[in-house]
Amino acid sequence: AGIVVVGLTSPANVAFCESLGCYTRVVPYNKLEQLSADTACVYIDFAGSASLRADIHTRFTNLKFSSSIGGTHVSDLAGGQRLPGPRSTLFFAPDQIKLRSADWGKDGLARRLQEGWA
């Protein structure tokens, strides 16, 4: 069946997220039960909601990876300590730039960035 990309969002934003065309399906936060709890999955968190992260880590027994990238839910931000499943990691762009600069050198990084934006 391949990879299924599920977008989780607020009920008010379901139609907008569906219109983007980048998700196989879109599910509102309050309908997580529509998703099979034992499916292997990866959670990439753009919202930063501590309560949603806890729900994800608790519900999905085959969660393989969890990473926070954003924090749009500023009133509900919190860390991912003491959650079941994999440790939630933080994606921080400056750290990745530093890592890639070390891997590829300054010129190699600049070349790859220019190619990526071309």
PDB file of N, CA and C in Angstrom:
ATOM      1  N   ALA A   1       0.813  -1.194   0.000  1.00  0.00           N
ATOM      2  CA  ALA A   1       0.000   0.000   0.000  1.00  0.00           C
ATOM      3  C   ALA A   1       0.854   1.255   0.000  1.00  0.00           C
ATOM      4  N   GLY A   2       2.115   1.163   0.410  1.00  0.00           N
ATOM      5  CA  GLY A   2       2.988   2.331   0.405  1.00  0.00           C
ATOM      6  C   GLY A   2       2.821   3.185   1.644  1.00  0.00           C
ATOM      7  N   ILE A   3       3.427   4.323   1.621  1.00  0.00           N
ATOM      8  CA  ILE A   3       3.393   5.239   2.757  1.00  0.00           C
ATOM      9  C   ILE A   3       2.119   6.073   2.700  1.00  0.00           C
ATOM     10  N   VAL A   4       1.438   6.130   3.829  1.00  0.00           N
ATOM     11  CA  VAL A   4       0.245   6.954   3.978  1.00  0.00           C
ATOM     12  C   VAL A   4       0.649   8.171   4.803  1.00  0.00           C
ATOM     13  N   VAL A   5       0.445   9.352   4.265  1.00  0.00           N
ATOM     14  CA  VAL A   5       0.777  10.586   4.972  1.00  0.00           C
ATOM     15  C   VAL A   5      -0.523  11.172   5.508  1.00  0.00           C
ATOM     16  N   VAL A   6      -0.634  11.171   6.835  1.00  0.00           N
ATOM     17  CA  VAL A   6      -1.842  11.664   7.494  1.00  0.00           C
ATOM     18  C   VAL A   6      -1.548  13.024   8.091  1.00  0.00           C
ATOM     19  N   GLY A   7      -2.356  13.994   7.747  1.00  0.00           N
ATOM     20  CA  GLY A   7      -2.252  15.320   8.343  1.00  0.00           C
ATOM     21  C   GLY A   7      -3.216  15.413   9.508  1.00  0.00           C
ATOM     22  N   LEU A   8      -2.711  15.752  10.673  1.00  0.00           N
ATOM     23  CA  LEU A   8      -3.555  15.981  11.849  1.00  0.00           C
ATOM     24  C   LEU A   8      -3.722  17.479  12.021  1.00  0.00           C
ATOM     25  N   THR A   9      -4.958  17.911  12.243  1.00  0.00           N
ATOM     26  CA  THR A   9      -5.224  19.344  12.354  1.00  0.00           C
ATOM     27  C   THR A   9      -6.469  19.581  13.185  1.00  0.00           C
ATOM     28  N   SER A  10      -6.751  20.830  13.442  1.00  0.00           N
ATOM     29  CA  SER A  10      -7.982  21.179  14.151  1.00  0.00           C
ATOM     30  C   SER A  10      -9.169  20.929  13.226  1.00  0.00           C
ATOM     31  N   PRO A  11     -10.342  20.669  13.794  1.00  0.00           N
ATOM     32  CA  PRO A  11     -11.525  20.465  12.947  1.00  0.00           C
ATOM     33  C   PRO A  11     -11.767  21.628  11.986  1.00  0.00           C
ATOM     34  N   ALA A  12     -11.480  22.838  12.400  1.00  0.00           N
ATOM     35  CA  ALA A  12     -11.713  24.012  11.554  1.00  0.00           C
ATOM     36  C   ALA A  12     -10.776  24.065  10.348  1.00  0.00           C
ATOM     37  N   ASN A  13      -9.644  23.353  10.401  1.00  0.00           N
ATOM     38  CA  ASN A  13      -8.662  23.423   9.320  1.00  0.00           C
ATOM     39  C   ASN A  13      -8.620  22.187   8.431  1.00  0.00           C
ATOM     40  N   VAL A  14      -9.547  21.254   8.609  1.00  0.00           N
ATOM     41  CA  VAL A  14      -9.535  20.025   7.812  1.00  0.00           C
ATOM     42  C   VAL A  14      -9.627  20.334   6.319  1.00  0.00           C
ATOM     43  N   ALA A  15     -10.603  21.128   5.913  1.00  0.00           N
ATOM     44  CA  ALA A  15     -10.794  21.423   4.485  1.00  0.00           C
ATOM     45  C   ALA A  15      -9.560  22.105   3.897  1.00  0.00           C
ATOM     46  N   PHE A  16      -8.978  23.045   4.629  1.00  0.00           N
ATOM     47  CA  PHE A  16      -7.772  23.716   4.144  1.00  0.00           C
ATOM     48  C   PHE A  16      -6.644  22.708   3.940  1.00  0.00           C
ATOM     49  N   CYS A  17      -6.409  21.856   4.930  1.00  0.00           N
ATOM     50  CA  CYS A  17      -5.323  20.875   4.821  1.00  0.00           C
ATOM     51  C   CYS A  17      -5.572  19.895   3.673  1.00  0.00           C
ATOM     52  N   GLU A  18      -6.821  19.511   3.474  1.00  0.00           N
ATOM     53  CA  GLU A  18      -7.151  18.639   2.344  1.00  0.00           C
ATOM     54  C   GLU A  18      -6.854  19.341   1.024  1.00  0.00           C
ATOM     55  N   SER A  19      -7.106  20.646   0.961  1.00  0.00           N
ATOM     56  CA  SER A  19      -6.895  21.405  -0.281  1.00  0.00           C
ATOM     57  C   SER A  19      -5.423  21.501  -0.661  1.00  0.00           C
ATOM     58  N   LEU A  20      -4.521  21.276   0.279  1.00  0.00           N
ATOM     59  CA  LEU A  20      -3.091  21.374  -0.007  1.00  0.00           C
ATOM     60  C   LEU A  20      -2.618  20.255  -0.930  1.00  0.00           C
ATOM     61  N   GLY A  21      -3.302  19.115  -0.866  1.00  0.00           N
ATOM     62  CA  GLY A  21      -2.955  17.997  -1.738  1.00  0.00           C
ATOM     63  C   GLY A  21      -1.705  17.230  -1.358  1.00  0.00           C
ATOM     64  N   CYS A  22      -1.177  17.451  -0.176  1.00  0.00           N
ATOM     65  CA  CYS A  22       0.063  16.766   0.217  1.00  0.00           C
ATOM     66  C   CYS A  22      -0.170  15.617   1.202  1.00  0.00           C
ATOM     67  N   TYR A  23      -1.407  15.401   1.609  1.00  0.00           N
ATOM     68  CA  TYR A  23      -1.729  14.337   2.556  1.00  0.00           C
ATOM     69  C   TYR A  23      -2.580  13.274   1.886  1.00  0.00           C
ATOM     70  N   THR A  24      -2.354  12.021   2.270  1.00  0.00           N
ATOM     71  CA  THR A  24      -3.208  10.935   1.812  1.00  0.00           C
ATOM     72  C   THR A  24      -4.595  11.096   2.416  1.00  0.00           C
ATOM     73  N   ARG A  25      -4.603  11.502   3.682  1.00  0.00           N
ATOM     74  CA  ARG A  25      -5.858  11.816   4.360  1.00  0.00           C
ATOM     75  C   ARG A  25      -5.594  12.810   5.471  1.00  0.00           C
ATOM     76  N   VAL A  26      -6.655  13.505   5.887  1.00  0.00           N
ATOM     77  CA  VAL A  26      -6.560  14.498   6.957  1.00  0.00           C
ATOM     78  C   VAL A  26      -7.542  14.091   8.048  1.00  0.00           C
ATOM     79  N   VAL A  27      -7.062  14.115   9.281  1.00  0.00           N
ATOM     80  CA  VAL A  27      -7.867  13.706  10.431  1.00  0.00           C
ATOM     81  C   VAL A  27      -7.804  14.817  11.478  1.00  0.00           C
ATOM     82  N   PRO A  28      -8.955  15.215  12.014  1.00  0.00           N
ATOM     83  CA  PRO A  28      -8.920  16.221  13.090  1.00  0.00           C
ATOM     84  C   PRO A  28      -8.356  15.610  14.377  1.00  0.00           C
ATOM     85  N   TYR A  29      -7.754  16.452  15.188  1.00  0.00           N
ATOM     86  CA  TYR A  29      -7.142  16.003  16.439  1.00  0.00           C
ATOM     87  C   TYR A  29      -8.086  15.145  17.270  1.00  0.00           C
ATOM     88  N   ASN A  30      -9.350  15.514  17.301  1.00  0.00           N
ATOM     89  CA  ASN A  30     -10.304  14.823  18.174  1.00  0.00           C
ATOM     90  C   ASN A  30     -10.842  13.522  17.573  1.00  0.00           C
ATOM     91  N   LYS A  31     -10.268  13.070  16.458  1.00  0.00           N
ATOM     92  CA  LYS A  31     -10.702  11.827  15.812  1.00  0.00           C
ATOM     93  C   LYS A  31      -9.546  10.844  15.635  1.00  0.00           C
ATOM     94  N   LEU A  32      -8.573  10.874  16.532  1.00  0.00           N
ATOM     95  CA  LEU A  32      -7.432   9.968  16.429  1.00  0.00           C
ATOM     96  C   LEU A  32      -7.854   8.505  16.388  1.00  0.00           C
ATOM     97  N   GLU A  33      -9.001   8.191  16.992  1.00  0.00           N
ATOM     98  CA  GLU A  33      -9.475   6.802  17.017  1.00  0.00           C
ATOM     99  C   GLU A  33      -9.774   6.273  15.619  1.00  0.00           C
ATOM    100  N   GLN A  34      -9.854   7.150  14.617  1.00  0.00           N
ATOM    101  CA  GLN A  34     -10.046   6.715  13.235  1.00  0.00           C
ATOM    102  C   GLN A  34      -8.799   6.046  12.662  1.00  0.00           C
ATOM    103  N   LEU A  35      -7.668   6.231  13.333  1.00  0.00           N
ATOM    104  CA  LEU A  35      -6.400   5.676  12.873  1.00  0.00           C
ATOM    105  C   LEU A  35      -6.053   4.440  13.698  1.00  0.00           C
ATOM    106  N   SER A  36      -5.622   3.389  13.022  1.00  0.00           N
ATOM    107  CA  SER A  36      -5.272   2.141  13.689  1.00  0.00           C
ATOM    108  C   SER A  36      -4.127   2.365  14.670  1.00  0.00           C
ATOM    109  N   ALA A  37      -4.315   1.936  15.894  1.00  0.00           N
ATOM    110  CA  ALA A  37      -3.333   2.183  16.951  1.00  0.00           C
ATOM    111  C   ALA A  37      -2.058   1.367  16.802  1.00  0.00           C
ATOM    112  N   ASP A  38      -2.101   0.269  16.041  1.00  0.00           N
ATOM    113  CA  ASP A  38      -0.918  -0.589  15.947  1.00  0.00           C
ATOM    114  C   ASP A  38      -0.152  -0.450  14.634  1.00  0.00           C
ATOM    115  N   THR A  39      -0.530   0.504  13.804  1.00  0.00           N
ATOM    116  CA  THR A  39       0.177   0.750  12.552  1.00  0.00           C
ATOM    117  C   THR A  39       1.525   1.396  12.833  1.00  0.00           C
ATOM    118  N   ALA A  40       2.567   0.924  12.153  1.00  0.00           N
ATOM    119  CA  ALA A  40       3.877   1.569  12.283  1.00  0.00           C
ATOM    120  C   ALA A  40       3.747   3.010  11.801  1.00  0.00           C
ATOM    121  N   CYS A  41       4.246   3.948  12.600  1.00  0.00           N
ATOM    122  CA  CYS A  41       4.084   5.355  12.225  1.00  0.00           C
ATOM    123  C   CYS A  41       5.225   6.216  12.748  1.00  0.00           C
ATOM    124  N   VAL A  42       5.301   7.405  12.161  1.00  0.00           N
ATOM    125  CA  VAL A  42       6.264   8.434  12.518  1.00  0.00           C
ATOM    126  C   VAL A  42       5.453   9.691  12.800  1.00  0.00           C
ATOM    127  N   TYR A  43       5.812  10.426  13.858  1.00  0.00           N
ATOM    128  CA  TYR A  43       5.092  11.646  14.212  1.00  0.00           C
ATOM    129  C   TYR A  43       6.028  12.840  14.057  1.00  0.00           C
ATOM    130  N   ILE A  44       5.676  13.747  13.156  1.00  0.00           N
ATOM    131  CA  ILE A  44       6.402  14.998  12.960  1.00  0.00           C
ATOM    132  C   ILE A  44       5.469  16.107  13.434  1.00  0.00           C
ATOM    133  N   ASP A  45       5.842  16.763  14.511  1.00  0.00           N
ATOM    134  CA  ASP A  45       4.966  17.692  15.216  1.00  0.00           C
ATOM    135  C   ASP A  45       5.286  19.141  14.853  1.00  0.00           C
ATOM    136  N   PHE A  46       4.378  19.767  14.124  1.00  0.00           N
ATOM    137  CA  PHE A  46       4.527  21.183  13.786  1.00  0.00           C
ATOM    138  C   PHE A  46       3.799  22.072  14.790  1.00  0.00           C
ATOM    139  N   ALA A  47       2.833  21.508  15.504  1.00  0.00           N
ATOM    140  CA  ALA A  47       1.996  22.296  16.410  1.00  0.00           C
ATOM    141  C   ALA A  47       2.657  22.546  17.759  1.00  0.00           C
ATOM    142  N   GLY A  48       3.356  21.563  18.279  1.00  0.00           N
ATOM    143  CA  GLY A  48       3.991  21.715  19.577  1.00  0.00           C
ATOM    144  C   GLY A  48       3.053  21.521  20.746  1.00  0.00           C
ATOM    145  N   SER A  49       1.910  20.907  20.517  1.00  0.00           N
ATOM    146  CA  SER A  49       0.931  20.691  21.581  1.00  0.00           C
ATOM    147  C   SER A  49       1.348  19.519  22.462  1.00  0.00           C
ATOM    148  N   ALA A  50       1.611  19.808  23.738  1.00  0.00           N
ATOM    149  CA  ALA A  50       2.011  18.757  24.674  1.00  0.00           C
ATOM    150  C   ALA A  50       0.912  17.710  24.844  1.00  0.00           C
ATOM    151  N   SER A  51      -0.328  18.142  24.886  1.00  0.00           N
ATOM    152  CA  SER A  51      -1.420  17.188  25.080  1.00  0.00           C
ATOM    153  C   SER A  51      -1.594  16.291  23.852  1.00  0.00           C
ATOM    154  N   LEU A  52      -1.456  16.851  22.646  1.00  0.00           N
ATOM    155  CA  LEU A  52      -1.547  16.034  21.436  1.00  0.00           C
ATOM    156  C   LEU A  52      -0.377  15.060  21.368  1.00  0.00           C
ATOM    157  N   ARG A  53       0.825  15.520  21.678  1.00  0.00           N
ATOM    158  CA  ARG A  53       1.991  14.638  21.675  1.00  0.00           C
ATOM    159  C   ARG A  53       1.779  13.477  22.637  1.00  0.00           C
ATOM    160  N   ALA A  54       1.243  13.761  23.808  1.00  0.00           N
ATOM    161  CA  ALA A  54       0.967  12.690  24.780  1.00  0.00           C
ATOM    162  C   ALA A  54      -0.077  11.721  24.228  1.00  0.00           C
ATOM    163  N   ASP A  55      -1.123  12.245  23.586  1.00  0.00           N
ATOM    164  CA  ASP A  55      -2.145  11.383  22.980  1.00  0.00           C
ATOM    165  C   ASP A  55      -1.535  10.482  21.908  1.00  0.00           C
ATOM    166  N   ILE A  56      -0.685  11.039  21.069  1.00  0.00           N
ATOM    167  CA  ILE A  56      -0.029  10.273  19.996  1.00  0.00           C
ATOM    168  C   ILE A  56       0.843   9.167  20.601  1.00  0.00           C
ATOM    169  N   HIS A  57       1.680   9.537  21.554  1.00  0.00           N
ATOM    170  CA  HIS A  57       2.598   8.568  22.161  1.00  0.00           C
ATOM    171  C   HIS A  57       1.847   7.480  22.930  1.00  0.00           C
ATOM    172  N   THR A  58       0.727   7.816  23.472  1.00  0.00           N
ATOM    173  CA  THR A  58      -0.056   6.837  24.235  1.00  0.00           C
ATOM    174  C   THR A  58      -0.854   5.922  23.313  1.00  0.00           C
ATOM    175  N   ARG A  59      -1.451   6.482  22.277  1.00  0.00           N
ATOM    176  CA  ARG A  59      -2.322   5.697  21.390  1.00  0.00           C
ATOM    177  C   ARG A  59      -1.555   4.761  20.463  1.00  0.00           C
ATOM    178  N   PHE A  60      -0.516   5.258  19.829  1.00  0.00           N
ATOM    179  CA  PHE A  60       0.148   4.500  18.770  1.00  0.00           C
ATOM    180  C   PHE A  60       1.264   3.626  19.335  1.00  0.00           C
ATOM    181  N   THR A  61       0.960   2.355  19.445  1.00  0.00           N
ATOM    182  CA  THR A  61       1.858   1.392  20.082  1.00  0.00           C
ATOM    183  C   THR A  61       3.045   1.012  19.215  1.00  0.00           C
ATOM    184  N   ASN A  62       3.018   1.377  17.938  1.00  0.00           N
ATOM    185  CA  ASN A  62       4.103   1.065  17.027  1.00  0.00           C
ATOM    186  C   ASN A  62       4.724   2.353  16.467  1.00  0.00           C
ATOM    187  N   LEU A  63       4.773   3.377  17.315  1.00  0.00           N
ATOM    188  CA  LEU A  63       5.386   4.657  16.949  1.00  0.00           C
ATOM    189  C   LEU A  63       6.898   4.453  16.842  1.00  0.00           C
ATOM    190  N   LYS A  64       7.453   4.765  15.688  1.00  0.00           N
ATOM    191  CA  LYS A  64       8.878   4.515  15.430  1.00  0.00           C
ATOM    192  C   LYS A  64       9.760   5.732  15.684  1.00  0.00           C
ATOM    193  N   PHE A  65       9.200   6.939  15.521  1.00  0.00           N
ATOM    194  CA  PHE A  65       9.990   8.161  15.620  1.00  0.00           C
ATOM    195  C   PHE A  65       9.060   9.319  15.928  1.00  0.00           C
ATOM    196  N   SER A  66       9.543  10.258  16.737  1.00  0.00           N
ATOM    197  CA  SER A  66       8.762  11.434  17.102  1.00  0.00           C
ATOM    198  C   SER A  66       9.685  12.643  17.128  1.00  0.00           C
ATOM    199  N   SER A  67       9.310  13.694  16.396  1.00  0.00           N
ATOM    200  CA  SER A  67      10.144  14.885  16.339  1.00  0.00           C
ATOM    201  C   SER A  67       9.288  16.141  16.349  1.00  0.00           C
ATOM    202  N   SER A  68       9.725  17.113  17.105  1.00  0.00           N
ATOM    203  CA  SER A  68       9.064  18.423  17.137  1.00  0.00           C
ATOM    204  C   SER A  68       9.821  19.367  16.214  1.00  0.00           C
ATOM    205  N   ILE A  69       9.059  20.033  15.348  1.00  0.00           N
ATOM    206  CA  ILE A  69       9.653  20.967  14.403  1.00  0.00           C
ATOM    207  C   ILE A  69       9.145  22.380  14.654  1.00  0.00           C
ATOM    208  N   GLY A  70       7.921  22.495  15.128  1.00  0.00           N
ATOM    209  CA  GLY A  70       7.324  23.809  15.305  1.00  0.00           C
ATOM    210  C   GLY A  70       6.645  23.953  16.649  1.00  0.00           C
ATOM    211  N   GLY A  71       6.046  25.104  16.844  1.00  0.00           N
ATOM    212  CA  GLY A  71       5.373  25.395  18.093  1.00  0.00           C
ATOM    213  C   GLY A  71       4.249  26.394  17.922  1.00  0.00           C
ATOM    214  N   THR A  72       3.273  26.071  17.080  1.00  0.00           N
ATOM    215  CA  THR A  72       2.172  27.005  16.845  1.00  0.00           C
ATOM    216  C   THR A  72       1.186  27.051  17.999  1.00  0.00           C
ATOM    217  N   HIS A  73       1.156  26.015  18.814  1.00  0.00           N
ATOM    218  CA  HIS A  73       0.240  25.976  19.962  1.00  0.00           C
ATOM    219  C   HIS A  73       0.983  26.470  21.198  1.00  0.00           C
ATOM    220  N   VAL A  74       1.286  27.749  21.214  1.00  0.00           N
ATOM    221  CA  VAL A  74       2.147  28.309  22.259  1.00  0.00           C
ATOM    222  C   VAL A  74       1.574  28.173  23.665  1.00  0.00           C
ATOM    223  N   SER A  75       0.264  28.081  23.804  1.00  0.00           N
ATOM    224  CA  SER A  75      -0.325  27.939  25.135  1.00  0.00           C
ATOM    225  C   SER A  75      -0.240  26.511  25.652  1.00  0.00           C
ATOM    226  N   ASP A  76       0.207  25.565  24.808  1.00  0.00           N
ATOM    227  CA  ASP A  76       0.238  24.149  25.189  1.00  0.00           C
ATOM    228  C   ASP A  76       1.611  23.526  24.947  1.00  0.00           C
ATOM    229  N   LEU A  77       2.661  24.350  24.894  1.00  0.00           N
ATOM    230  CA  LEU A  77       3.998  23.820  24.656  1.00  0.00           C
ATOM    231  C   LEU A  77       4.534  23.128  25.898  1.00  0.00           C
ATOM    232  N   ALA A  78       5.246  22.043  25.679  1.00  0.00           N
ATOM    233  CA  ALA A  78       5.922  21.339  26.775  1.00  0.00           C
ATOM    234  C   ALA A  78       6.834  20.291  26.169  1.00  0.00           C
ATOM    235  N   GLY A  79       7.724  19.775  26.970  1.00  0.00           N
ATOM    236  CA  GLY A  79       8.663  18.753  26.506  1.00  0.00           C
ATOM    237  C   GLY A  79       8.003  17.402  26.349  1.00  0.00           C
ATOM    238  N   GLY A  80       8.792  16.438  25.918  1.00  0.00           N
ATOM    239  CA  GLY A  80       8.284  15.104  25.675  1.00  0.00           C
ATOM    240  C   GLY A  80       8.821  14.073  26.649  1.00  0.00           C
ATOM    241  N   GLN A  81       9.165  14.482  27.830  1.00  0.00           N
ATOM    242  CA  GLN A  81       9.696  13.558  28.811  1.00  0.00           C
ATOM    243  C   GLN A  81       8.602  12.617  29.328  1.00  0.00           C
ATOM    244  N   ARG A  82       9.014  11.438  29.689  1.00  0.00           N
ATOM    245  CA  ARG A  82       8.158  10.417  30.323  1.00  0.00           C
ATOM    246  C   ARG A  82       6.960  10.017  29.465  1.00  0.00           C
ATOM    247  N   LEU A  83       7.131   9.997  28.170  1.00  0.00           N
ATOM    248  CA  LEU A  83       6.077   9.523  27.283  1.00  0.00           C
ATOM    249  C   LEU A  83       6.394   8.102  26.845  1.00  0.00           C
ATOM    250  N   PRO A  84       5.364   7.283  26.604  1.00  0.00           N
ATOM    251  CA  PRO A  84       5.646   5.953  26.056  1.00  0.00           C
ATOM    252  C   PRO A  84       6.210   6.077  24.639  1.00  0.00           C
ATOM    253  N   GLY A  85       6.896   5.041  24.189  1.00  0.00           N
ATOM    254  CA  GLY A  85       7.425   5.038  22.831  1.00  0.00           C
ATOM    255  C   GLY A  85       8.751   5.740  22.716  1.00  0.00           C
ATOM    256  N   PRO A  86       9.130   6.107  21.496  1.00  0.00           N
ATOM    257  CA  PRO A  86      10.447   6.710  21.273  1.00  0.00           C
ATOM    258  C   PRO A  86      10.550   8.098  21.897  1.00  0.00           C
ATOM    259  N   ARG A  87      11.765   8.450  22.253  1.00  0.00           N
ATOM    260  CA  ARG A  87      12.018   9.776  22.811  1.00  0.00           C
ATOM    261  C   ARG A  87      11.750  10.822  21.730  1.00  0.00           C
ATOM    262  N   SER A  88      11.007  11.834  22.061  1.00  0.00           N
ATOM    263  CA  SER A  88      10.718  12.917  21.126  1.00  0.00           C
ATOM    264  C   SER A  88      11.956  13.791  20.977  1.00  0.00           C
ATOM    265  N   THR A  89      12.372  14.030  19.742  1.00  0.00           N
ATOM    266  CA  THR A  89      13.541  14.850  19.473  1.00  0.00           C
ATOM    267  C   THR A  89      13.106  16.212  18.944  1.00  0.00           C
ATOM    268  N   LEU A  90      13.988  17.172  19.037  1.00  0.00           N
ATOM    269  CA  LEU A  90      13.725  18.513  18.533  1.00  0.00           C
ATOM    270  C   LEU A  90      14.539  18.732  17.270  1.00  0.00           C
ATOM    271  N   PHE A  91      13.865  19.110  16.190  1.00  0.00           N
ATOM    272  CA  PHE A  91      14.558  19.512  14.972  1.00  0.00           C
ATOM    273  C   PHE A  91      14.806  21.003  15.085  1.00  0.00           C
ATOM    274  N   PHE A  92      16.072  21.384  15.043  1.00  0.00           N
ATOM    275  CA  PHE A  92      16.445  22.783  15.165  1.00  0.00           C
ATOM    276  C   PHE A  92      17.341  23.105  13.970  1.00  0.00           C
ATOM    277  N   ALA A  93      16.852  23.925  13.049  1.00  0.00           N
ATOM    278  CA  ALA A  93      17.538  24.182  11.781  1.00  0.00           C
ATOM    279  C   ALA A  93      18.998  24.624  11.957  1.00  0.00           C
ATOM    280  N   PRO A  94      19.321  25.535  12.889  1.00  0.00           N
ATOM    281  CA  PRO A  94      20.729  25.920  13.022  1.00  0.00           C
ATOM    282  C   PRO A  94      21.650  24.739  13.361  1.00  0.00           C
ATOM    283  N   ASP A  95      21.162  23.789  14.145  1.00  0.00           N
ATOM    284  CA  ASP A  95      21.971  22.597  14.436  1.00  0.00           C
ATOM    285  C   ASP A  95      22.210  21.777  13.172  1.00  0.00           C
ATOM    286  N   GLN A  96      21.180  21.662  12.323  1.00  0.00           N
ATOM    287  CA  GLN A  96      21.325  20.909  11.079  1.00  0.00           C
ATOM    288  C   GLN A  96      22.289  21.608  10.118  1.00  0.00           C
ATOM    289  N   ILE A  97      22.241  22.925  10.074  1.00  0.00           N
ATOM    290  CA  ILE A  97      23.165  23.682   9.220  1.00  0.00           C
ATOM    291  C   ILE A  97      24.602  23.464   9.693  1.00  0.00           C
ATOM    292  N   LYS A  98      24.800  23.486  10.995  1.00  0.00           N
ATOM    293  CA  LYS A  98      26.133  23.248  11.558  1.00  0.00           C
ATOM    294  C   LYS A  98      26.617  21.840  11.205  1.00  0.00           C
ATOM    295  N   LEU A  99      25.737  20.851  11.337  1.00  0.00           N
ATOM    296  CA  LEU A  99      26.078  19.468  11.022  1.00  0.00           C
ATOM    297  C   LEU A  99      26.443  19.319   9.545  1.00  0.00           C
ATOM    298  N   ARG A 100      25.614  19.864   8.668  1.00  0.00           N
ATOM    299  CA  ARG A 100      25.876  19.746   7.226  1.00  0.00           C
ATOM    300  C   ARG A 100      27.105  20.543   6.819  1.00  0.00           C
ATOM    301  N   SER A 101      27.381  21.660   7.461  1.00  0.00           N
ATOM    302  CA  SER A 101      28.607  22.408   7.178  1.00  0.00           C
ATOM    303  C   SER A 101      29.828  21.563   7.516  1.00  0.00           C
ATOM    304  N   ALA A 102      29.753  20.840   8.615  1.00  0.00           N
ATOM    305  CA  ALA A 102      30.860  19.956   8.995  1.00  0.00           C
ATOM    306  C   ALA A 102      30.988  18.794   8.008  1.00  0.00           C
ATOM    307  N   ASP A 103      29.856  18.252   7.547  1.00  0.00           N
ATOM    308  CA  ASP A 103      29.868  17.120   6.611  1.00  0.00           C
ATOM    309  C   ASP A 103      30.362  17.528   5.229  1.00  0.00           C
ATOM    310  N   TRP A 104      29.873  18.640   4.712  1.00  0.00           N
ATOM    311  CA  TRP A 104      30.086  19.006   3.312  1.00  0.00           C
ATOM    312  C   TRP A 104      31.022  20.193   3.120  1.00  0.00           C
ATOM    313  N   GLY A 105      31.371  20.882   4.187  1.00  0.00           N
ATOM    314  CA  GLY A 105      32.157  22.109   4.069  1.00  0.00           C
ATOM    315  C   GLY A 105      31.241  23.276   3.718  1.00  0.00           C
ATOM    316  N   LYS A 106      31.742  24.475   3.966  1.00  0.00           N
ATOM    317  CA  LYS A 106      30.938  25.683   3.724  1.00  0.00           C
ATOM    318  C   LYS A 106      30.500  25.789   2.268  1.00  0.00           C
ATOM    319  N   ASP A 107      31.430  25.555   1.339  1.00  0.00           N
ATOM    320  CA  ASP A 107      31.099  25.665  -0.085  1.00  0.00           C
ATOM    321  C   ASP A 107      30.127  24.572  -0.524  1.00  0.00           C
ATOM    322  N   GLY A 108      30.318  23.357  -0.005  1.00  0.00           N
ATOM    323  CA  GLY A 108      29.410  22.260  -0.346  1.00  0.00           C
ATOM    324  C   GLY A 108      27.997  22.521   0.140  1.00  0.00           C
ATOM    325  N   LEU A 109      27.871  23.070   1.330  1.00  0.00           N
ATOM    326  CA  LEU A 109      26.548  23.415   1.853  1.00  0.00           C
ATOM    327  C   LEU A 109      25.911  24.499   0.996  1.00  0.00           C
ATOM    328  N   ALA A 110      26.678  25.533   0.674  1.00  0.00           N
ATOM    329  CA  ALA A 110      26.142  26.633  -0.139  1.00  0.00           C
ATOM    330  C   ALA A 110      25.683  26.116  -1.508  1.00  0.00           C
ATOM    331  N   ARG A 111      26.486  25.237  -2.121  1.00  0.00           N
ATOM    332  CA  ARG A 111      26.125  24.682  -3.429  1.00  0.00           C
ATOM    333  C   ARG A 111      24.823  23.883  -3.339  1.00  0.00           C
ATOM    334  N   ARG A 112      24.697  23.035  -2.328  1.00  0.00           N
ATOM    335  CA  ARG A 112      23.485  22.226  -2.174  1.00  0.00           C
ATOM    336  C   ARG A 112      22.257  23.090  -1.900  1.00  0.00           C
ATOM    337  N   LEU A 113      22.422  24.140  -1.113  1.00  0.00           N
ATOM    338  CA  LEU A 113      21.291  25.043  -0.860  1.00  0.00           C
ATOM    339  C   LEU A 113      20.860  25.738  -2.147  1.00  0.00           C
ATOM    340  N   GLN A 114      21.827  26.197  -2.931  1.00  0.00           N
ATOM    341  CA  GLN A 114      21.490  26.847  -4.201  1.00  0.00           C
ATOM    342  C   GLN A 114      20.810  25.873  -5.147  1.00  0.00           C
ATOM    343  N   GLU A 115      21.278  24.637  -5.214  1.00  0.00           N
ATOM    344  CA  GLU A 115      20.654  23.628  -6.069  1.00  0.00           C
ATOM    345  C   GLU A 115      19.227  23.320  -5.610  1.00  0.00           C
ATOM    346  N   GLY A 116      19.038  23.289  -4.305  1.00  0.00           N
ATOM    347  CA  GLY A 116      17.716  23.002  -3.750  1.00  0.00           C
ATOM    348  C   GLY A 116      16.695  24.074  -4.060  1.00  0.00           C
ATOM    349  N   TRP A 117      17.144  25.305  -4.168  1.00  0.00           N
ATOM    350  CA  TRP A 117      16.224  26.414  -4.446  1.00  0.00           C
ATOM    351  C   TRP A 117      16.076  26.705  -5.934  1.00  0.00           C
ATOM    352  N   ALA A 118      16.884  26.022  -6.758  1.00  0.00           N
ATOM    353  CA  ALA A 118      16.845  26.281  -8.210  1.00  0.00           C
ATOM    354  C   ALA A 118      15.594  25.710  -8.850  1.00  0.00           C
TER     355      ALA A 118
END
